[in-house]
Protein backbone atom coordinates (compact mmCIF):
# COMPACT_ATOMS: atom_id res chain seq x y z
CA MET A 1 -31.77 12.72 13.07
CA SER A 2 -28.40 11.61 14.48
CA GLU A 3 -27.27 12.72 17.94
CA PRO A 4 -24.07 14.80 17.89
CA LEU A 5 -21.34 12.86 19.71
CA VAL A 6 -17.98 14.57 20.13
CA ILE A 7 -14.80 12.72 21.04
CA VAL A 8 -11.91 14.84 22.31
CA GLY A 9 -8.71 12.98 21.54
CA ASN A 10 -7.61 11.36 18.32
CA GLY A 11 -5.74 8.32 19.54
CA MET A 12 -6.19 4.60 19.93
CA ALA A 13 -9.16 4.88 22.33
CA ALA A 14 -11.04 7.24 20.00
CA ALA A 15 -10.43 5.02 16.97
CA ARG A 16 -11.62 1.95 18.85
CA LEU A 17 -14.73 3.74 20.13
CA VAL A 18 -15.65 4.92 16.62
CA ASP A 19 -15.07 1.41 15.29
CA GLU A 20 -17.44 -0.07 17.90
CA LEU A 21 -20.09 2.64 17.55
CA THR A 22 -20.24 2.24 13.81
CA LYS A 23 -20.66 -1.51 14.21
CA VAL A 24 -23.45 -1.42 16.81
CA ALA A 25 -25.10 1.96 16.28
CA LEU A 26 -24.37 3.07 12.71
CA GLY A 27 -26.34 6.23 11.99
CA ARG A 28 -27.36 6.87 15.61
CA TYR A 29 -24.58 9.42 16.15
CA ALA A 30 -23.08 12.22 14.10
CA ILE A 31 -19.53 11.69 15.31
CA ALA A 32 -16.86 14.38 15.42
CA VAL A 33 -13.32 13.57 16.57
CA ILE A 34 -11.22 16.49 17.78
CA GLY A 35 -7.46 15.97 18.06
CA ASN A 36 -4.61 18.28 18.91
CA GLU A 37 -2.10 16.48 16.70
CA PRO A 38 -2.10 17.46 13.01
CA ARG A 39 -2.54 13.93 11.64
CA LEU A 40 -4.71 10.83 11.66
CA ALA A 41 -4.77 8.62 14.75
CA TYR A 42 -1.74 6.36 14.97
CA ASN A 43 -0.25 3.62 17.11
CA ARG A 44 2.09 5.38 19.55
CA VAL A 45 3.59 2.06 20.60
CA LEU A 46 5.19 1.83 17.15
CA LEU A 47 6.90 5.26 17.30
CA SER A 48 10.20 3.63 18.21
CA SER A 49 9.92 1.42 15.10
CA VAL A 50 9.44 4.54 12.96
CA LEU A 51 12.47 6.18 14.57
CA ALA A 52 14.54 3.03 14.04
CA GLY A 53 13.62 3.08 10.34
CA GLU A 54 11.79 -0.25 10.57
CA THR A 55 8.37 1.22 9.78
CA ALA A 56 7.19 4.22 7.73
CA SER A 57 5.32 6.95 9.59
CA HIS A 58 2.15 6.46 7.53
CA ASP A 59 2.18 2.72 8.29
CA ILE A 60 1.39 3.32 11.96
CA GLU A 61 -1.91 5.08 11.21
CA LEU A 62 -4.74 3.17 12.86
CA LYS A 63 -7.27 3.78 10.09
CA PRO A 64 -6.88 5.48 6.70
CA ALA A 65 -8.74 8.73 5.96
CA ALA A 66 -11.20 6.80 3.76
CA TRP A 67 -12.25 4.62 6.73
CA TRP A 68 -13.29 7.69 8.75
CA ARG A 69 -15.08 9.23 5.73
CA GLU A 70 -17.00 6.02 4.98
CA ARG A 71 -18.38 6.09 8.52
CA GLY A 72 -19.42 9.73 8.27
CA VAL A 73 -16.98 10.88 10.94
CA THR A 74 -15.93 14.52 10.99
CA LEU A 75 -12.23 14.70 11.80
CA LYS A 76 -10.78 17.90 13.16
CA TYR A 77 -7.13 17.30 13.81
CA GLY A 78 -4.63 19.98 14.71
CA CYS A 79 -7.38 21.47 16.90
CA LEU A 80 -6.95 22.06 20.62
CA ALA A 81 -10.09 21.75 22.75
CA THR A 82 -10.07 24.79 25.04
CA GLU A 83 -13.36 24.76 26.92
CA ILE A 84 -16.36 22.59 27.68
CA ASP A 85 -19.61 24.46 28.23
CA LEU A 86 -21.89 21.85 29.81
CA GLY A 87 -24.82 24.25 30.12
CA ARG A 88 -24.85 24.97 26.40
CA ARG A 89 -23.51 21.49 25.55
CA GLU A 90 -20.74 22.95 23.42
CA LEU A 91 -17.06 22.27 23.03
CA LYS A 92 -14.87 25.22 22.13
CA ILE A 93 -11.69 24.72 20.16
CA ALA A 94 -8.67 27.01 19.77
CA ASN A 95 -9.91 28.84 16.67
CA GLU A 96 -13.00 30.05 18.59
CA GLU A 97 -15.19 27.50 16.85
CA SER A 98 -17.87 25.80 18.95
CA ILE A 99 -19.13 22.28 18.36
CA ALA A 100 -22.46 21.19 19.82
CA PHE A 101 -22.80 17.78 21.45
CA SER A 102 -25.42 15.61 23.07
CA LYS A 103 -22.70 13.22 24.25
CA LEU A 104 -19.06 14.07 24.94
CA VAL A 105 -16.19 11.60 25.35
CA LEU A 106 -12.81 12.68 26.70
CA ALA A 107 -10.18 10.31 25.31
CA THR A 108 -7.10 12.49 25.61
CA GLY A 109 -4.59 9.98 26.91
CA SER A 110 -2.15 10.83 29.64
CA THR A 111 0.94 12.78 30.53
CA PRO A 112 4.12 10.72 30.25
CA LEU A 113 5.99 9.86 33.43
CA ARG A 114 9.42 11.36 33.83
CA LEU A 115 12.15 9.30 35.46
CA ASP A 116 12.81 10.21 39.08
CA VAL A 117 16.58 10.51 38.71
CA GLN A 118 18.97 12.23 41.12
CA GLY A 119 20.89 15.14 39.63
CA PRO A 120 20.21 17.20 36.51
CA ILE A 121 18.34 15.67 33.61
CA SER A 122 19.50 16.67 30.18
CA PRO A 123 17.03 18.95 28.35
CA ALA A 124 17.69 16.64 25.39
CA CYS A 125 15.89 13.84 27.27
CA THR A 126 12.37 13.80 25.84
CA PRO A 127 9.69 11.11 26.16
CA PHE A 128 8.04 9.73 23.03
CA VAL A 129 4.65 11.43 23.21
CA THR A 130 3.72 12.47 19.69
CA ALA A 131 5.01 11.52 16.28
CA ALA A 132 5.99 15.12 15.56
CA THR A 133 8.11 15.65 18.68
CA SER A 134 9.68 12.20 18.52
CA ILE A 135 10.68 12.52 14.87
CA SER A 136 11.96 16.09 15.26
CA CYS A 137 14.07 15.06 18.27
CA TRP A 138 15.45 12.08 16.37
CA ARG A 139 16.47 14.26 13.43
CA SER A 140 18.35 16.63 15.72
CA PRO A 141 21.78 15.10 16.53
CA ARG A 142 21.99 16.99 19.84
CA LYS A 143 18.65 15.56 21.02
CA ARG A 144 19.23 11.86 20.46
CA SER A 145 18.89 10.89 24.12
CA THR A 146 15.14 10.39 23.74
CA LEU A 147 13.42 8.00 26.14
CA PRO A 148 10.87 5.47 24.86
């Protein structure tokens, strides 16, 4: 029987880890990837290309849905991890669901740095963090001072 391995974070690190695990240990783990964003993992570096109209949003996805399915990965995106219970070896997500694990990987990325600028910073100044916030800011004419 496969060991339950849970990855919290659905970004580039998680996609790379799944890619490696399925190459060297296919079948050893029952992998579940939990991500807060409501979409497949994508290349955040290319968000500015999407906003510039040079690339379509779906073209920056790291792997298509079929790739994850073919490897037996359970994807739970749009799910916020809220608690880790190490004693019970369970991860709790926002909808009160619990997911058991034998191994847990935290691949949640980082918080963007804000510029240390003297004086007030416009509330319209938003770092590119997620596709959803970047695209919604770009579509709003009053919020076009987004920082890459």
